[in-house]
PDB file of all heavy atoms in Angstrom:
ATOM      1  N   VAL A   1      57.186  37.199  30.162  1.00  0.00           N
ATOM      2  CA  VAL A   1      58.073  38.288  29.753  1.00  0.00           C
ATOM      3  C   VAL A   1      59.418  38.070  30.424  1.00  0.00           C
ATOM      4  O   VAL A   1      59.521  37.344  31.417  1.00  0.00           O
ATOM      5  CB  VAL A   1      57.502  39.688  30.110  1.00  0.00           C
ATOM      6  CG1 VAL A   1      56.213  39.959  29.389  1.00  0.00           C
ATOM      7  CG2 VAL A   1      57.321  39.844  31.599  1.00  0.00           C
ATOM      8  N   ALA A   2      60.441  38.697  29.888  1.00  0.00           N
ATOM      9  CA  ALA A   2      61.787  38.572  30.448  1.00  0.00           C
ATOM     10  C   ALA A   2      62.405  39.947  30.585  1.00  0.00           C
ATOM     11  O   ALA A   2      61.966  40.914  29.958  1.00  0.00           O
ATOM     12  CB  ALA A   2      62.647  37.695  29.529  1.00  0.00           C
ATOM     13  N   ASP A   3      63.440  40.042  31.396  1.00  0.00           N
ATOM     14  CA  ASP A   3      64.205  41.289  31.592  1.00  0.00           C
ATOM     15  C   ASP A   3      63.309  42.464  31.983  1.00  0.00           C
ATOM     16  O   ASP A   3      63.529  43.585  31.519  1.00  0.00           O
ATOM     17  CB  ASP A   3      65.006  41.634  30.336  1.00  0.00           C
ATOM     18  CG  ASP A   3      65.970  40.534  29.938  1.00  0.00           C
ATOM     19  OD1 ASP A   3      66.465  39.825  30.833  1.00  0.00           O
ATOM     20  OD2 ASP A   3      66.198  40.365  28.726  1.00  0.00           O
ATOM     21  N   TYR A   4      62.336  42.233  32.827  1.00  0.00           N
ATOM     22  CA  TYR A   4      61.382  43.274  33.226  1.00  0.00           C
ATOM     23  C   TYR A   4      62.046  44.285  34.143  1.00  0.00           C
ATOM     24  O   TYR A   4      62.641  43.925  35.156  1.00  0.00           O
ATOM     25  CB  TYR A   4      60.187  42.634  33.947  1.00  0.00           C
ATOM     26  CG  TYR A   4      59.057  43.580  34.243  1.00  0.00           C
ATOM     27  CD1 TYR A   4      57.979  43.688  33.391  1.00  0.00           C
ATOM     28  CD2 TYR A   4      59.056  44.353  35.400  1.00  0.00           C
ATOM     29  CE1 TYR A   4      56.925  44.542  33.656  1.00  0.00           C
ATOM     30  CE2 TYR A   4      58.015  45.214  35.682  1.00  0.00           C
ATOM     31  CZ  TYR A   4      56.953  45.300  34.814  1.00  0.00           C
ATOM     32  OH  TYR A   4      55.920  46.157  35.096  1.00  0.00           O
ATOM     33  N   GLN A   5      61.961  45.540  33.768  1.00  0.00           N
ATOM     34  CA  GLN A   5      62.405  46.663  34.591  1.00  0.00           C
ATOM     35  C   GLN A   5      61.227  47.625  34.660  1.00  0.00           C
ATOM     36  O   GLN A   5      60.772  48.084  33.611  1.00  0.00           O
ATOM     37  CB  GLN A   5      63.578  47.392  33.976  1.00  0.00           C
ATOM     38  CG  GLN A   5      64.830  46.592  33.802  1.00  0.00           C
ATOM     39  CD  GLN A   5      65.862  47.452  33.080  1.00  0.00           C
ATOM     40  OE1 GLN A   5      66.123  48.582  33.471  1.00  0.00           O
ATOM     41  NE2 GLN A   5      66.421  46.927  32.020  1.00  0.00           N
ATOM     42  N   GLY A   6      60.736  47.906  35.853  1.00  0.00           N
ATOM     43  CA  GLY A   6      59.576  48.770  35.934  1.00  0.00           C
ATOM     44  C   GLY A   6      59.604  49.671  37.131  1.00  0.00           C
ATOM     45  O   GLY A   6      60.392  49.520  38.059  1.00  0.00           O
ATOM     46  N   ILE A   7      58.713  50.661  37.086  1.00  0.00           N
ATOM     47  CA  ILE A   7      58.480  51.557  38.209  1.00  0.00           C
ATOM     48  C   ILE A   7      56.971  51.736  38.329  1.00  0.00           C
ATOM     49  O   ILE A   7      56.228  51.634  37.348  1.00  0.00           O
ATOM     50  CB  ILE A   7      59.164  52.929  38.050  1.00  0.00           C
ATOM     51  CG1 ILE A   7      58.754  53.611  36.736  1.00  0.00           C
ATOM     52  CG2 ILE A   7      60.664  52.805  38.175  1.00  0.00           C
ATOM     53  CD1 ILE A   7      59.251  55.025  36.588  1.00  0.00           C
ATOM     54  N   ASP A   8      56.522  51.994  39.537  1.00  0.00           N
ATOM     55  CA  ASP A   8      55.101  52.254  39.784  1.00  0.00           C
ATOM     56  C   ASP A   8      55.023  53.025  41.093  1.00  0.00           C
ATOM     57  O   ASP A   8      56.008  53.139  41.828  1.00  0.00           O
ATOM     58  CB  ASP A   8      54.306  50.958  39.855  1.00  0.00           C
ATOM     59  CG  ASP A   8      52.813  51.163  39.617  1.00  0.00           C
ATOM     60  OD1 ASP A   8      52.392  52.314  39.402  1.00  0.00           O
ATOM     61  OD2 ASP A   8      52.077  50.175  39.677  1.00  0.00           O
ATOM     62  N   ALA A   9      53.831  53.530  41.395  1.00  0.00           N
ATOM     63  CA  ALA A   9      53.608  54.249  42.641  1.00  0.00           C
ATOM     64  C   ALA A   9      52.139  54.109  43.035  1.00  0.00           C
ATOM     65  O   ALA A   9      51.278  53.981  42.179  1.00  0.00           O
ATOM     66  CB  ALA A   9      53.969  55.724  42.478  1.00  0.00           C
ATOM     67  N   THR A  10      51.907  54.118  44.319  1.00  0.00           N
ATOM     68  CA  THR A  10      50.529  54.067  44.792  1.00  0.00           C
ATOM     69  C   THR A  10      49.865  55.425  44.713  1.00  0.00           C
ATOM     70  O   THR A  10      48.635  55.523  44.814  1.00  0.00           O
ATOM     71  CB  THR A  10      50.473  53.568  46.251  1.00  0.00           C
ATOM     72  OG1 THR A  10      51.273  54.434  47.066  1.00  0.00           O
ATOM     73  CG2 THR A  10      50.977  52.139  46.357  1.00  0.00           C
ATOM     74  N   SER A  11      50.625  56.482  44.496  1.00  0.00           N
ATOM     75  CA  SER A  11      50.062  57.830  44.473  1.00  0.00           C
ATOM     76  C   SER A  11      49.301  58.155  43.178  1.00  0.00           C
ATOM     77  O   SER A  11      48.470  59.038  43.171  1.00  0.00           O
ATOM     78  CB  SER A  11      51.159  58.871  44.699  1.00  0.00           C
ATOM     79  OG  SER A  11      52.134  58.793  43.671  1.00  0.00           O
ATOM     80  N   SER A  12      49.582  57.428  42.090  1.00  0.00           N
ATOM     81  CA  SER A  12      48.889  57.668  40.827  1.00  0.00           C
ATOM     82  C   SER A  12      49.047  56.477  39.906  1.00  0.00           C
ATOM     83  O   SER A  12      50.161  55.973  39.738  1.00  0.00           O
ATOM     84  CB  SER A  12      49.454  58.900  40.124  1.00  0.00           C
ATOM     85  OG  SER A  12      48.938  59.016  38.823  1.00  0.00           O
ATOM     86  N   PRO A  13      47.958  56.043  39.251  1.00  0.00           N
ATOM     87  CA  PRO A  13      48.084  54.959  38.274  1.00  0.00           C
ATOM     88  C   PRO A  13      48.941  55.340  37.076  1.00  0.00           C
ATOM     89  O   PRO A  13      49.483  54.470  36.410  1.00  0.00           O
ATOM     90  CB  PRO A  13      46.646  54.696  37.835  1.00  0.00           C
ATOM     91  CG  PRO A  13      45.788  55.285  38.894  1.00  0.00           C
ATOM     92  CD  PRO A  13      46.562  56.418  39.477  1.00  0.00           C
ATOM     93  N   LEU A  14      49.084  56.624  36.805  1.00  0.00           N
ATOM     94  CA  LEU A  14      49.850  57.073  35.634  1.00  0.00           C
ATOM     95  C   LEU A  14      51.348  56.930  35.810  1.00  0.00           C
ATOM     96  O   LEU A  14      52.103  57.163  34.867  1.00  0.00           O
ATOM     97  CB  LEU A  14      49.497  58.537  35.314  1.00  0.00           C
ATOM     98  CG  LEU A  14      48.095  58.781  34.813  1.00  0.00           C
ATOM     99  CD1 LEU A  14      47.857  60.267  34.622  1.00  0.00           C
ATOM    100  CD2 LEU A  14      47.828  58.036  33.520  1.00  0.00           C
ATOM    101  N   LYS A  15      51.825  56.557  36.958  1.00  0.00           N
ATOM    102  CA  LYS A  15      53.263  56.440  37.190  1.00  0.00           C
ATOM    103  C   LYS A  15      53.837  55.108  36.722  1.00  0.00           C
ATOM    104  O   LYS A  15      55.038  54.908  36.750  1.00  0.00           O
ATOM    105  CB  LYS A  15      53.578  56.683  38.663  1.00  0.00           C
ATOM    106  CG  LYS A  15      53.307  58.122  39.050  1.00  0.00           C
ATOM    107  CD  LYS A  15      53.777  58.416  40.442  1.00  0.00           C
ATOM    108  CE  LYS A  15      53.451  59.835  40.811  1.00  0.00           C
ATOM    109  NZ  LYS A  15      54.560  60.734  40.725  1.00  0.00           N
ATOM    110  N   LEU A  16      52.989  54.180  36.296  1.00  0.00           N
ATOM    111  CA  LEU A  16      53.458  52.871  35.828  1.00  0.00           C
ATOM    112  C   LEU A  16      54.235  53.019  34.524  1.00  0.00           C
ATOM    113  O   LEU A  16      53.746  53.594  33.550  1.00  0.00           O
ATOM    114  CB  LEU A  16      52.276  51.923  35.623  1.00  0.00           C
ATOM    115  CG  LEU A  16      52.603  50.571  35.003  1.00  0.00           C
ATOM    116  CD1 LEU A  16      53.417  49.731  35.968  1.00  0.00           C
ATOM    117  CD2 LEU A  16      51.328  49.842  34.619  1.00  0.00           C
ATOM    118  N   ARG A  17      55.434  52.476  34.500  1.00  0.00           N
ATOM    119  CA  ARG A  17      56.263  52.397  33.300  1.00  0.00           C
ATOM    120  C   ARG A  17      57.048  51.086  33.389  1.00  0.00           C
ATOM    121  O   ARG A  17      57.453  50.692  34.480  1.00  0.00           O
ATOM    122  CB  ARG A  17      57.299  53.515  33.201  1.00  0.00           C
ATOM    123  CG  ARG A  17      56.789  54.915  33.361  1.00  0.00           C
ATOM    124  CD  ARG A  17      56.206  55.446  32.086  1.00  0.00           C
ATOM    125  NE  ARG A  17      55.894  56.859  32.187  1.00  0.00           N
ATOM    126  CZ  ARG A  17      54.927  57.391  32.891  1.00  0.00           C
ATOM    127  NH1 ARG A  17      54.164  56.624  33.630  1.00  0.00           N
ATOM    128  NH2 ARG A  17      54.695  58.680  32.913  1.00  0.00           N
ATOM    129  N   ALA A  18      57.300  50.446  32.268  1.00  0.00           N
ATOM    130  CA  ALA A  18      58.108  49.229  32.295  1.00  0.00           C
ATOM    131  C   ALA A  18      58.717  48.978  30.928  1.00  0.00           C
ATOM    132  O   ALA A  18      58.176  49.401  29.904  1.00  0.00           O
ATOM    133  CB  ALA A  18      57.272  48.031  32.719  1.00  0.00           C
ATOM    134  N   CYS A  19      59.827  48.277  30.945  1.00  0.00           N
ATOM    135  CA  CYS A  19      60.511  47.808  29.731  1.00  0.00           C
ATOM    136  C   CYS A  19      60.765  46.319  29.937  1.00  0.00           C
ATOM    137  O   CYS A  19      61.077  45.883  31.048  1.00  0.00           O
ATOM    138  CB  CYS A  19      61.838  48.533  29.554  1.00  0.00           C
ATOM    139  SG  CYS A  19      61.706  50.324  29.634  1.00  0.00           S
ATOM    140  N   PHE A  20      60.636  45.535  28.862  1.00  0.00           N
ATOM    141  CA  PHE A  20      60.765  44.087  28.991  1.00  0.00           C
ATOM    142  C   PHE A  20      60.962  43.473  27.622  1.00  0.00           C
ATOM    143  O   PHE A  20      60.922  44.151  26.602  1.00  0.00           O
ATOM    144  CB  PHE A  20      59.533  43.485  29.675  1.00  0.00           C
ATOM    145  CG  PHE A  20      58.226  43.895  29.020  1.00  0.00           C
ATOM    146  CD1 PHE A  20      57.694  43.169  27.979  1.00  0.00           C
ATOM    147  CD2 PHE A  20      57.544  45.020  29.461  1.00  0.00           C
ATOM    148  CE1 PHE A  20      56.504  43.568  27.367  1.00  0.00           C
ATOM    149  CE2 PHE A  20      56.369  45.412  28.868  1.00  0.00           C
ATOM    150  CZ  PHE A  20      55.841  44.693  27.817  1.00  0.00           C
ATOM    151  N   ARG A  21      61.136  42.154  27.593  1.00  0.00           N
ATOM    152  CA  ARG A  21      61.221  41.370  26.364  1.00  0.00           C
ATOM    153  C   ARG A  21      59.998  40.452  26.340  1.00  0.00           C
ATOM    154  O   ARG A  21      59.613  39.896  27.364  1.00  0.00           O
ATOM    155  CB  ARG A  21      62.479  40.505  26.335  1.00  0.00           C
ATOM    156  CG  ARG A  21      63.771  41.237  26.581  1.00  0.00           C
ATOM    157  CD  ARG A  21      64.426  41.900  25.432  1.00  0.00           C
ATOM    158  NE  ARG A  21      64.450  41.101  24.245  1.00  0.00           N
ATOM    159  CZ  ARG A  21      64.476  41.639  23.026  1.00  0.00           C
ATOM    160  NH1 ARG A  21      64.470  42.933  22.866  1.00  0.00           N
ATOM    161  NH2 ARG A  21      64.508  40.869  21.974  1.00  0.00           N
ATOM    162  N   ILE A  22      59.384  40.316  25.161  1.00  0.00           N
ATOM    163  CA  ILE A  22      58.187  39.491  25.004  1.00  0.00           C
ATOM    164  C   ILE A  22      58.206  38.849  23.629  1.00  0.00           C
ATOM    165  O   ILE A  22      58.805  39.404  22.688  1.00  0.00           O
ATOM    166  CB  ILE A  22      56.914  40.370  25.184  1.00  0.00           C
ATOM    167  CG1 ILE A  22      55.636  39.512  25.240  1.00  0.00           C
ATOM    168  CG2 ILE A  22      56.826  41.439  24.126  1.00  0.00           C
ATOM    169  CD1 ILE A  22      54.394  40.290  25.637  1.00  0.00           C
ATOM    170  N   ASP A  23      57.562  37.732  23.489  1.00  0.00           N
ATOM    171  CA  ASP A  23      57.415  37.085  22.195  1.00  0.00           C
ATOM    172  C   ASP A  23      56.335  37.861  21.416  1.00  0.00           C
ATOM    173  O   ASP A  23      55.182  37.904  21.847  1.00  0.00           O
ATOM    174  CB  ASP A  23      56.983  35.636  22.365  1.00  0.00           C
ATOM    175  CG  ASP A  23      56.780  34.912  21.036  1.00  0.00           C
ATOM    176  OD1 ASP A  23      57.101  35.485  19.977  1.00  0.00           O
ATOM    177  OD2 ASP A  23      56.301  33.758  21.071  1.00  0.00           O
ATOM    178  N   PRO A  24      56.675  38.499  20.290  1.00  0.00           N
ATOM    179  CA  PRO A  24      55.683  39.284  19.548  1.00  0.00           C
ATOM    180  C   PRO A  24      54.467  38.482  19.114  1.00  0.00           C
ATOM    181  O   PRO A  24      53.380  39.038  18.933  1.00  0.00           O
ATOM    182  CB  PRO A  24      56.462  39.808  18.347  1.00  0.00           C
ATOM    183  CG  PRO A  24      57.887  39.724  18.724  1.00  0.00           C
ATOM    184  CD  PRO A  24      57.995  38.582  19.689  1.00  0.00           C
ATOM    185  N   ALA A  25      54.607  37.181  18.971  1.00  0.00           N
ATOM    186  CA  ALA A  25      53.469  36.349  18.579  1.00  0.00           C
ATOM    187  C   ALA A  25      52.394  36.321  19.661  1.00  0.00           C
ATOM    188  O   ALA A  25      51.224  36.059  19.383  1.00  0.00           O
ATOM    189  CB  ALA A  25      53.938  34.938  18.270  1.00  0.00           C
ATOM    190  N   ALA A  26      52.770  36.612  20.910  1.00  0.00           N
ATOM    191  CA  ALA A  26      51.812  36.588  22.018  1.00  0.00           C
ATOM    192  C   ALA A  26      50.772  37.695  21.911  1.00  0.00           C
ATOM    193  O   ALA A  26      49.693  37.590  22.499  1.00  0.00           O
ATOM    194  CB  ALA A  26      52.546  36.696  23.344  1.00  0.00           C
TER     195      ALA A  26
END
């Protein structure tokens, strides 16, 4: 993946969010 921007937290698995570029064929 490229241009990954994300956030996460150890306090909850639900806090994971990310935006990125990926080859749709993958």
